[in-house]
Amino acid sequence: MPSNQTLKQQIHQANVEVHRFEAKYYEALHPEVYSRKEQRRITQNLTTLTGQIFDNQKNALDVGAGTGNLTGKLLALGYRVVATDISPEMCHILRRKFSAYIPNQLTVVNSPVEDLTFSEGKFDLIAGYSVLHHLPDYLAALRGLVFYLKWGGVIYIDHEASPTYWQGGPGALASLVKAVYFHSNPTLNSLYFSAVGLHVPTIDYTLSDYWHKKEHALDHNAIAELFRELGFRYAKRTDYYQTSSWLPNPLSLLYRLLCSPEMSYWIAKK
């Protein structure tokens, strides 16, 4: 984990700046988040894990809530939600989009994950989607979040690169298919943006997506060890394929036949 305090500050600032530009384009930019298939998968996961929570009082924390991908689904499931994000622009969109739920069912907090302060065991469910790889020290942040989870509650961490994300496929053909598939998705999305007349500024994700890189990828073994150390009743990582382009990718079926899933989610019960 970055030990340099300046680097930690730079990662935070990079996330603020990236999402300042990205906020109004976010849902159009990310088919891997907002495709129908992905939205159904997330809804099914949240519905299933809701039934796993002991004495569920429906208090949820949505960390790195963005424009409300998880928040909206949690509200629909009857949760009282605290939605947090480091980006003022994302928080503004959240408040506008879900204004009918404020203040009775929704509270929006503009804050880095590391600066949150809640009472011990406040939440039945803590959820984060596409969050860990943005954090300077994701293990320390995860440890802090666990403090806010009640005994019998569930933490749900979704949309993080799987251990096989940066690896080639099993064999030369699989490696070739994976490389071509990964490089073709941005091209397909560019064609889609041109067709719908969406002009998106160039965005530098170098520091904001710090742990989404081959040279320092997210360590799922360390995450598993953290859950064991903290005495969780169970913790399971599931790998899955994502939909990465708005236009159908003709390589998609071949990719899924030959290559391992590129994304992961965790469900862990305290």
Protein backbone atom coordinates (compact mmCIF):
# COMPACT_ATOMS: atom_id res chain seq x y z
CA MET A 1 0.00 0.00 0.00
CA PRO A 2 1.26 3.52 -0.68
CA SER A 3 3.17 4.63 2.43
CA ASN A 4 3.91 8.10 1.12
CA GLN A 5 1.39 10.59 2.52
CA THR A 6 1.80 12.80 -0.54
CA LEU A 7 0.91 9.89 -2.83
CA LYS A 8 -2.20 9.17 -0.76
CA GLN A 9 -3.27 12.79 -1.10
CA GLN A 10 -2.58 12.67 -4.83
CA ILE A 11 -4.77 9.61 -5.26
CA HIS A 12 -7.61 11.31 -3.39
CA GLN A 13 -7.22 14.49 -5.42
CA ALA A 14 -7.07 12.53 -8.68
CA ASN A 15 -10.40 10.90 -7.83
CA VAL A 16 -11.97 14.27 -7.08
CA GLU A 17 -10.71 15.71 -10.36
CA VAL A 18 -11.60 12.70 -12.51
CA HIS A 19 -15.15 12.59 -11.21
CA ARG A 20 -15.53 16.35 -11.56
CA PHE A 21 -15.22 15.82 -15.31
CA GLU A 22 -16.80 12.38 -15.46
CA ALA A 23 -19.87 12.85 -13.28
CA LYS A 24 -22.29 14.10 -15.94
CA TYR A 25 -21.06 11.47 -18.44
CA TYR A 26 -20.67 8.63 -15.96
CA GLU A 27 -23.64 6.46 -16.82
CA ALA A 28 -23.03 6.84 -20.57
CA LEU A 29 -19.31 6.08 -20.22
CA HIS A 30 -19.69 2.81 -18.36
CA PRO A 31 -21.57 -0.02 -20.10
CA GLU A 32 -19.77 -2.41 -17.74
CA VAL A 33 -21.87 -0.82 -14.97
CA TYR A 34 -25.11 0.19 -16.66
CA SER A 35 -25.75 -2.57 -19.18
CA ARG A 36 -29.05 -4.35 -18.59
CA LYS A 37 -27.27 -7.60 -17.76
CA GLU A 38 -25.06 -5.95 -15.14
CA GLN A 39 -27.96 -4.07 -13.58
CA ARG A 40 -29.93 -7.31 -13.26
CA ARG A 41 -26.94 -9.07 -11.71
CA ILE A 42 -26.46 -6.35 -9.08
CA THR A 43 -30.17 -6.28 -8.20
CA GLN A 44 -30.21 -10.06 -7.81
CA ASN A 45 -27.13 -9.98 -5.56
CA LEU A 46 -28.56 -7.26 -3.32
CA THR A 47 -31.89 -9.07 -3.07
CA THR A 48 -30.20 -12.36 -2.19
CA LEU A 49 -27.81 -10.98 0.42
CA THR A 50 -30.61 -8.97 2.06
CA GLY A 51 -32.07 -12.30 3.13
CA GLN A 52 -28.74 -13.36 4.67
CA ILE A 53 -28.62 -10.51 7.22
CA PHE A 54 -29.53 -11.43 10.79
CA ASP A 55 -32.39 -9.31 12.24
CA ASN A 56 -32.20 -6.93 9.30
CA GLN A 57 -33.24 -3.42 10.33
CA LYS A 58 -32.58 -2.15 6.80
CA ASN A 59 -29.78 0.35 7.60
CA ALA A 60 -27.27 0.46 4.74
CA LEU A 61 -24.05 2.29 3.95
CA ASP A 62 -23.27 2.79 0.26
CA VAL A 63 -19.57 3.68 0.01
CA GLY A 64 -18.37 5.46 -3.12
CA ALA A 65 -21.98 5.74 -4.21
CA GLY A 66 -21.28 7.70 -7.39
CA THR A 67 -24.49 8.59 -9.21
CA GLY A 68 -26.49 6.05 -7.21
CA ASN A 69 -25.99 2.69 -8.90
CA LEU A 70 -26.42 0.80 -5.60
CA THR A 71 -28.27 3.55 -3.73
CA GLY A 72 -31.34 3.37 -5.94
CA LYS A 73 -31.57 -0.40 -5.62
CA LEU A 74 -31.14 -0.27 -1.84
CA LEU A 75 -33.88 2.34 -1.54
CA ALA A 76 -36.16 0.15 -3.65
CA LEU A 77 -35.47 -2.73 -1.25
CA GLY A 78 -36.62 -0.56 1.66
CA TYR A 79 -33.26 0.35 3.17
CA ARG A 80 -32.48 3.61 4.92
CA VAL A 81 -29.30 4.55 3.12
CA VAL A 82 -26.27 6.66 3.95
CA ALA A 83 -24.60 7.25 0.57
CA THR A 84 -21.05 8.62 0.61
CA ASP A 85 -18.71 9.81 -2.12
CA ILE A 86 -15.51 11.84 -2.32
CA SER A 87 -16.81 13.77 -5.34
CA PRO A 88 -18.98 16.85 -4.72
CA GLU A 89 -20.34 16.50 -8.26
CA MET A 90 -21.41 12.90 -7.69
CA CYS A 91 -23.08 13.88 -4.42
CA HIS A 92 -24.94 16.68 -6.20
CA ILE A 93 -26.30 14.20 -8.75
CA LEU A 94 -27.25 11.79 -5.96
CA ARG A 95 -29.20 14.46 -4.09
CA ARG A 96 -30.98 15.59 -7.24
CA LYS A 97 -31.80 12.09 -8.48
CA PHE A 98 -33.14 10.80 -5.15
CA SER A 99 -34.46 14.05 -3.65
CA ALA A 100 -37.80 12.41 -2.83
CA TYR A 101 -36.02 10.13 -0.33
CA ILE A 102 -34.18 12.94 1.51
CA PRO A 103 -34.09 13.19 4.52
CA ASN A 104 -36.32 10.33 5.69
CA GLN A 105 -34.71 7.45 3.81
CA LEU A 106 -31.50 8.86 2.34
CA THR A 107 -28.54 10.83 3.67
CA VAL A 108 -25.78 11.91 1.27
CA VAL A 109 -22.30 12.52 2.70
CA ASN A 110 -19.48 14.11 0.68
CA SER A 111 -16.37 12.52 2.22
CA PRO A 112 -13.41 10.24 1.52
CA VAL A 113 -13.99 6.73 2.82
CA GLU A 114 -11.13 7.12 5.30
CA ASP A 115 -12.73 10.16 6.97
CA LEU A 116 -16.12 8.58 7.69
CA THR A 117 -17.11 8.33 11.34
CA PHE A 118 -20.08 6.22 12.41
CA SER A 119 -20.88 4.30 15.56
CA GLU A 120 -19.79 0.70 15.89
CA GLY A 121 -22.28 -1.77 14.37
CA LYS A 122 -24.52 0.96 12.91
CA PHE A 123 -25.24 -0.77 9.60
CA ASP A 124 -26.88 -4.05 8.62
CA LEU A 125 -25.34 -3.82 5.16
CA ILE A 126 -22.26 -2.06 3.83
CA ALA A 127 -21.89 -2.00 0.06
CA GLY A 128 -19.37 -0.65 -2.39
CA TYR A 129 -19.27 -0.98 -6.16
CA SER A 130 -16.08 -0.19 -8.09
CA VAL A 131 -14.52 1.42 -5.02
CA LEU A 132 -11.56 -0.48 -3.56
CA HIS A 133 -9.22 0.10 -6.51
CA HIS A 134 -9.69 3.88 -6.10
CA LEU A 135 -8.48 3.96 -2.47
CA PRO A 136 -4.89 4.68 -1.39
CA ASP A 137 -4.96 1.88 1.22
CA TYR A 138 -7.95 -0.32 0.46
CA LEU A 139 -7.20 -2.87 3.21
CA ALA A 140 -7.07 -0.21 5.93
CA ALA A 141 -10.26 1.34 4.54
CA LEU A 142 -11.98 -2.05 4.50
CA ARG A 143 -10.91 -2.68 8.09
CA GLY A 144 -12.42 0.66 9.09
CA LEU A 145 -15.69 -0.06 7.32
CA VAL A 146 -16.03 -3.41 9.07
CA PHE A 147 -16.16 -1.53 12.41
CA TYR A 148 -19.44 0.06 11.28
CA LEU A 149 -21.00 -3.32 10.38
CA LYS A 150 -23.14 -5.01 13.00
CA TRP A 151 -22.65 -8.62 14.07
CA GLY A 152 -24.77 -10.65 11.67
CA GLY A 153 -24.52 -7.98 8.98
CA VAL A 154 -23.14 -8.36 5.46
CA ILE A 155 -20.51 -6.45 3.51
CA TYR A 156 -20.80 -6.48 -0.29
CA ILE A 157 -17.81 -5.40 -2.39
CA ASP A 158 -18.48 -5.58 -6.13
CA HIS A 159 -16.85 -4.81 -9.46
CA GLU A 160 -13.17 -5.33 -8.75
CA ALA A 161 -10.71 -6.95 -11.14
CA SER A 162 -10.43 -10.70 -10.57
CA PRO A 163 -7.06 -12.39 -9.92
CA THR A 164 -6.99 -13.45 -13.60
CA TYR A 165 -7.77 -9.99 -15.04
CA TRP A 166 -4.18 -9.20 -16.01
CA GLN A 167 -3.28 -12.74 -17.06
CA GLY A 168 -3.54 -14.13 -20.56
CA GLY A 169 -5.90 -17.00 -21.18
CA PRO A 170 -4.92 -20.67 -20.77
CA GLY A 171 -3.08 -21.12 -24.05
CA ALA A 172 -1.94 -19.01 -26.98
CA LEU A 173 -5.37 -18.81 -28.62
CA ALA A 174 -7.07 -17.72 -25.40
CA SER A 175 -4.40 -15.07 -24.78
CA LEU A 176 -4.87 -13.72 -28.30
CA VAL A 177 -8.66 -13.66 -27.99
CA LYS A 178 -8.46 -11.89 -24.63
CA ALA A 179 -6.04 -9.26 -25.93
CA VAL A 180 -8.14 -8.53 -29.02
CA TYR A 181 -11.38 -8.53 -27.01
CA PHE A 182 -10.03 -6.08 -24.42
CA HIS A 183 -8.71 -3.72 -27.11
CA SER A 184 -11.85 -3.91 -29.23
CA ASN A 185 -14.25 -2.79 -26.50
CA PRO A 186 -13.00 0.84 -26.34
CA THR A 187 -13.23 1.01 -30.14
CA LEU A 188 -16.83 -0.19 -30.09
CA ASN A 189 -17.70 2.32 -27.38
CA SER A 190 -16.10 5.14 -29.39
CA LEU A 191 -18.24 4.16 -32.38
CA TYR A 192 -21.31 4.23 -30.14
CA PHE A 193 -20.45 7.65 -28.72
CA SER A 194 -19.98 9.01 -32.24
CA ALA A 195 -23.32 7.55 -33.35
CA VAL A 196 -25.23 9.15 -30.47
CA GLY A 197 -23.31 12.43 -30.68
CA LEU A 198 -21.69 12.20 -27.25
CA HIS A 199 -18.42 14.13 -27.01
CA VAL A 200 -16.50 12.97 -23.96
CA PRO A 201 -13.32 14.74 -22.79
CA THR A 202 -10.13 12.74 -22.42
CA ILE A 203 -9.86 11.56 -18.81
CA ASP A 204 -6.62 10.46 -17.13
CA TYR A 205 -7.26 7.52 -14.79
CA THR A 206 -3.58 6.92 -13.96
CA LEU A 207 -3.83 7.79 -10.26
CA SER A 208 -7.58 7.63 -9.66
CA ASP A 209 -7.74 3.91 -10.53
CA TYR A 210 -4.54 3.19 -8.63
CA TRP A 211 -5.04 -0.55 -7.96
CA HIS A 212 -6.54 -1.33 -11.36
CA LYS A 213 -3.17 -1.90 -12.98
CA LYS A 214 -1.03 -4.91 -13.78
CA GLU A 215 1.95 -3.61 -11.79
CA HIS A 216 -0.08 -3.26 -8.61
CA ALA A 217 -3.29 -5.21 -8.92
CA LEU A 218 -5.83 -5.69 -6.13
CA ASP A 219 -4.74 -8.51 -3.80
CA HIS A 220 -7.75 -10.77 -3.21
CA ASN A 221 -5.72 -13.10 -0.97
CA ALA A 222 -5.09 -10.17 1.36
CA ILE A 223 -8.81 -9.35 1.37
CA ALA A 224 -9.67 -12.95 2.24
CA GLU A 225 -7.08 -12.95 5.03
CA LEU A 226 -8.54 -9.72 6.43
CA PHE A 227 -12.01 -11.26 6.67
CA ARG A 228 -10.55 -14.35 8.39
CA GLU A 229 -8.58 -12.21 10.82
CA LEU A 230 -11.67 -10.20 11.73
CA GLY A 231 -13.67 -13.34 12.48
CA PHE A 232 -16.25 -13.21 9.72
CA ARG A 233 -18.63 -16.17 9.63
CA TYR A 234 -18.02 -16.54 5.92
CA ALA A 235 -16.48 -14.60 3.06
CA LYS A 236 -16.78 -15.65 -0.56
CA ARG A 237 -15.38 -14.16 -3.76
CA THR A 238 -17.26 -14.85 -6.97
CA ASP A 239 -15.78 -14.15 -10.40
CA TYR A 240 -17.94 -13.04 -13.32
CA TYR A 241 -17.82 -11.74 -16.88
CA GLN A 242 -18.80 -8.14 -17.50
CA THR A 243 -20.42 -6.49 -20.50
CA SER A 244 -17.84 -3.93 -21.61
CA SER A 245 -19.39 -2.25 -24.65
CA TRP A 246 -22.71 -0.66 -25.59
CA LEU A 247 -22.53 -2.26 -29.04
CA PRO A 248 -22.40 -6.10 -29.17
CA ASN A 249 -18.87 -7.42 -29.37
CA PRO A 250 -18.66 -10.33 -31.86
CA LEU A 251 -15.78 -11.80 -29.82
CA SER A 252 -17.81 -11.96 -26.63
CA LEU A 253 -18.93 -15.59 -26.88
CA LEU A 254 -15.49 -16.83 -27.90
CA TYR A 255 -13.92 -14.83 -25.08
CA ARG A 256 -16.24 -16.38 -22.51
CA LEU A 257 -15.62 -19.88 -23.86
CA LEU A 258 -11.82 -19.60 -23.75
CA CYS A 259 -11.00 -17.13 -20.98
CA SER A 260 -11.56 -16.83 -17.24
CA PRO A 261 -13.94 -14.18 -15.81
CA GLU A 262 -12.28 -10.80 -15.45
CA MET A 263 -14.24 -9.31 -12.53
CA SER A 264 -15.00 -10.29 -8.92
CA TYR A 265 -17.35 -9.51 -6.06
CA TRP A 266 -17.20 -10.36 -2.36
CA ILE A 267 -20.04 -11.16 0.01
CA ALA A 268 -18.94 -11.56 3.62
CA LYS A 269 -21.05 -12.02 6.77
CA LYS A 270 -19.80 -10.79 10.13
